[in-house]
Amino acid sequence: MTCVRLGRPLGPFWLLALALVLFAAPWIPAVANDGLSDSPAAAGIVGDWLVETRDAVIHIERVGDEYQGYIRWQLHDTYGPEDGPALNGKVVTDRNNPNPALREQPLTGLRLLTGLRYDARTNKWTGGRVYNSDNGKTYNCLVRLLSPDRLQLRGYIGISLLGGNTVWSRVAMKAPGRNGLPYVMQTSDK
């Protein structure tokens, strides 16, 4: 049996190993940080969100081991006369989808956000993908809450520096009122 004396200086190998562990520790995700936490912080993005252009509401929910979002409501759910006589009055579809077989699916109900997982260290939902029905492209994304009622989504290609932000506001869905809108803002937009 070997006895280790306290106060003995560490050899170069052990100093290198200790330095590597200390350097790498912030980059190694914690085992308990699996993105599935049932904490209020992790569930902070669950709900209905009015997009910045105010023409759609996205519902975000937890599905299995991730957070996903789909179009719950859109201002223009049917094509108008400006879209031509062949489309006028028909349900708006995902006509820019790169897969021709999916171009006839209605936009309302379409899943736009997938793969988001909560990271308690950064207080962000990362690893997600966001589909842009305007151009049929899918981007990487991350989400963070600016406040309980304001969400910032960053879509990007490759690294998050190469992207753009959009801010959504939390709403409560209801039966359409006099103004025809099926939602009520949770707080002011500020």
Protein backbone atom coordinates (compact mmCIF):
# COMPACT_ATOMS: atom_id res chain seq x y z
CA MET A 1 0.00 0.00 0.00
CA THR A 2 1.32 3.42 -0.96
CA CYS A 3 0.83 6.40 1.25
CA VAL A 4 0.39 9.88 -0.30
CA ARG A 5 1.94 12.66 1.73
CA LEU A 6 0.02 15.89 1.94
CA GLY A 7 1.98 18.92 0.91
CA ARG A 8 4.03 17.05 -1.68
CA PRO A 9 4.24 19.07 -4.93
CA LEU A 10 2.34 17.67 -7.87
CA GLY A 11 4.32 16.41 -10.84
CA PRO A 12 4.05 18.02 -14.30
CA PHE A 13 1.58 15.37 -15.52
CA TRP A 14 -0.86 16.03 -12.69
CA LEU A 15 -0.55 19.80 -13.11
CA LEU A 16 -1.39 19.45 -16.80
CA ALA A 17 -4.34 17.16 -16.05
CA LEU A 18 -5.65 19.56 -13.39
CA ALA A 19 -5.32 22.52 -15.79
CA LEU A 20 -7.22 20.66 -18.51
CA VAL A 21 -10.05 19.75 -16.13
CA LEU A 22 -10.34 23.32 -14.84
CA PHE A 23 -10.25 24.75 -18.37
CA ALA A 24 -12.75 22.27 -19.80
CA ALA A 25 -15.21 22.36 -16.89
CA PRO A 26 -17.21 25.37 -18.14
CA TRP A 27 -17.58 23.73 -21.57
CA ILE A 28 -18.81 20.36 -20.33
CA PRO A 29 -22.60 20.34 -19.95
CA ALA A 30 -23.84 19.35 -16.53
CA VAL A 31 -25.52 15.96 -16.37
CA ALA A 32 -28.57 17.48 -14.68
CA ASN A 33 -28.81 20.09 -17.46
CA ASP A 34 -30.53 17.88 -20.04
CA GLY A 35 -32.96 20.50 -21.36
CA LEU A 36 -35.87 18.60 -19.92
CA SER A 37 -36.07 20.31 -16.60
CA ASP A 38 -39.60 20.76 -15.33
CA SER A 39 -38.51 24.00 -13.68
CA PRO A 40 -40.53 27.14 -14.31
CA ALA A 41 -37.52 28.60 -16.15
CA ALA A 42 -37.43 25.71 -18.65
CA ALA A 43 -41.18 25.98 -19.29
CA GLY A 44 -40.95 29.78 -19.69
CA ILE A 45 -41.38 29.65 -23.47
CA VAL A 46 -44.47 27.43 -23.38
CA GLY A 47 -47.54 29.30 -24.61
CA ASP A 48 -48.82 31.45 -27.45
CA TRP A 49 -46.60 34.09 -29.07
CA LEU A 50 -47.55 36.86 -31.51
CA VAL A 51 -44.78 37.26 -34.10
CA GLU A 52 -43.16 40.65 -34.62
CA THR A 53 -45.11 41.31 -37.86
CA ARG A 54 -48.36 40.66 -35.91
CA ASP A 55 -49.74 38.38 -38.60
CA ALA A 56 -49.39 35.01 -36.84
CA VAL A 57 -49.46 33.37 -33.42
CA ILE A 58 -47.03 30.53 -32.75
CA HIS A 59 -47.87 28.02 -30.02
CA ILE A 60 -44.78 26.60 -28.27
CA GLU A 61 -45.08 23.38 -26.29
CA ARG A 62 -42.92 20.64 -24.88
CA VAL A 63 -42.99 17.53 -27.06
CA GLY A 64 -41.03 14.60 -25.67
CA ASP A 65 -37.51 15.78 -24.97
CA GLU A 66 -37.70 19.13 -26.76
CA TYR A 67 -39.72 22.31 -27.26
CA GLN A 68 -41.55 22.77 -30.55
CA GLY A 69 -43.79 25.42 -32.05
CA TYR A 70 -46.53 25.50 -34.68
CA ILE A 71 -48.69 28.15 -36.33
CA ARG A 72 -51.83 28.40 -34.21
CA TRP A 73 -53.36 31.38 -36.01
CA GLN A 74 -52.53 33.59 -38.98
CA LEU A 75 -54.10 36.85 -40.06
CA HIS A 76 -54.51 35.71 -43.65
CA ASP A 77 -55.45 32.03 -43.64
CA THR A 78 -56.96 32.21 -47.12
CA TYR A 79 -55.54 33.68 -50.30
CA GLY A 80 -56.98 37.00 -51.49
CA PRO A 81 -57.69 38.45 -54.93
CA GLU A 82 -54.12 39.78 -55.08
CA ASP A 83 -52.92 36.14 -55.25
CA GLY A 84 -54.81 35.56 -58.49
CA PRO A 85 -58.14 33.96 -59.38
CA ALA A 86 -56.77 30.40 -59.12
CA LEU A 87 -55.90 30.89 -55.41
CA ASN A 88 -58.49 33.48 -54.31
CA GLY A 89 -60.46 32.16 -51.31
CA LYS A 90 -58.42 28.96 -50.94
CA VAL A 91 -56.58 28.01 -47.74
CA VAL A 92 -53.02 29.35 -47.57
CA THR A 93 -50.57 26.49 -48.06
CA ASP A 94 -46.85 25.90 -47.66
CA ARG A 95 -46.29 26.53 -51.38
CA ASN A 96 -42.56 27.36 -50.94
CA ASN A 97 -41.72 24.03 -49.30
CA PRO A 98 -38.68 22.42 -50.98
CA ASN A 99 -40.55 19.10 -50.91
CA PRO A 100 -43.25 19.27 -53.62
CA ALA A 101 -45.33 16.67 -51.75
CA LEU A 102 -45.73 19.10 -48.82
CA ARG A 103 -46.66 22.23 -50.78
CA GLU A 104 -50.41 21.63 -50.40
CA GLN A 105 -50.38 21.40 -46.58
CA PRO A 106 -52.12 24.34 -44.84
CA LEU A 107 -49.87 26.81 -43.02
CA THR A 108 -52.17 26.92 -39.98
CA GLY A 109 -51.02 24.00 -37.85
CA LEU A 110 -47.62 23.78 -39.55
CA ARG A 111 -44.74 22.97 -37.19
CA LEU A 112 -42.09 25.71 -37.53
CA LEU A 113 -39.88 25.19 -34.47
CA THR A 114 -38.23 21.91 -33.50
CA GLY A 115 -35.34 20.65 -31.40
CA LEU A 116 -35.16 23.40 -28.78
CA ARG A 117 -33.67 22.30 -25.45
CA TYR A 118 -33.30 24.43 -22.34
CA ASP A 119 -29.77 25.24 -21.16
CA ALA A 120 -29.94 26.35 -17.52
CA ARG A 121 -26.38 27.71 -17.61
CA THR A 122 -27.19 30.28 -20.31
CA ASN A 123 -30.94 30.52 -19.66
CA LYS A 124 -31.57 29.90 -23.39
CA TRP A 125 -33.26 27.26 -25.50
CA THR A 126 -30.66 26.06 -27.98
CA GLY A 127 -30.11 23.45 -30.68
CA GLY A 128 -33.33 24.28 -32.46
CA ARG A 129 -34.39 24.59 -36.08
CA VAL A 130 -36.85 27.14 -37.45
CA TYR A 131 -38.64 26.80 -40.78
CA ASN A 132 -39.37 29.96 -42.77
CA SER A 133 -42.47 29.33 -44.88
CA ASP A 134 -41.84 32.55 -46.83
CA ASN A 135 -38.80 31.03 -48.57
CA GLY A 136 -38.99 27.31 -47.71
CA LYS A 137 -35.67 27.35 -45.86
CA THR A 138 -34.80 25.95 -42.44
CA TYR A 139 -32.31 27.68 -40.15
CA ASN A 140 -30.62 26.92 -36.83
CA CYS A 141 -32.16 28.85 -33.97
CA LEU A 142 -31.97 29.68 -30.31
CA VAL A 143 -34.50 31.38 -28.08
CA ARG A 144 -34.20 33.49 -24.97
CA LEU A 145 -36.74 35.35 -22.89
CA LEU A 146 -36.29 39.11 -22.69
CA SER A 147 -39.05 39.17 -20.06
CA PRO A 148 -41.81 36.71 -19.11
CA ASP A 149 -43.92 38.10 -21.98
CA ARG A 150 -41.27 38.83 -24.62
CA LEU A 151 -39.24 36.23 -26.46
CA GLN A 152 -36.29 36.71 -28.80
CA LEU A 153 -35.73 34.11 -31.51
CA ARG A 154 -32.41 34.16 -33.35
CA GLY A 155 -32.29 32.33 -36.66
CA TYR A 156 -28.87 31.70 -38.17
CA ILE A 157 -26.75 29.73 -40.60
CA GLY A 158 -23.72 27.96 -39.14
CA ILE A 159 -22.86 30.14 -36.16
CA SER A 160 -25.24 32.44 -34.31
CA LEU A 161 -23.22 35.52 -35.34
CA LEU A 162 -24.50 34.96 -38.89
CA GLY A 163 -28.19 35.50 -38.31
CA GLY A 164 -31.00 37.78 -37.29
CA ASN A 165 -33.38 38.31 -34.40
CA THR A 166 -37.11 38.65 -34.13
CA VAL A 167 -39.06 39.49 -30.98
CA TRP A 168 -42.39 37.85 -30.17
CA SER A 169 -44.96 38.91 -27.56
CA ARG A 170 -46.94 36.54 -25.35
CA VAL A 171 -50.68 36.51 -25.97
CA ALA A 172 -53.70 34.72 -24.55
CA MET A 173 -55.94 33.14 -27.18
CA LYS A 174 -59.70 33.79 -27.03
CA ALA A 175 -62.74 33.87 -29.28
CA PRO A 176 -62.38 36.63 -31.91
CA GLY A 177 -63.65 39.99 -30.64
CA ARG A 178 -64.90 43.08 -32.45
CA ASN A 179 -61.50 43.68 -34.00
CA GLY A 180 -61.47 40.10 -35.33
CA LEU A 181 -58.30 39.16 -33.46
CA PRO A 182 -58.37 35.89 -31.51
CA TYR A 183 -55.83 36.97 -28.90
CA VAL A 184 -55.23 39.41 -26.07
CA MET A 185 -51.78 40.80 -25.32
CA GLN A 186 -50.50 39.62 -21.95
CA THR A 187 -48.72 42.92 -21.22
CA SER A 188 -47.69 46.00 -23.11
CA ASP A 189 -45.26 45.51 -26.00
CA LYS A 190 -42.51 47.50 -24.28
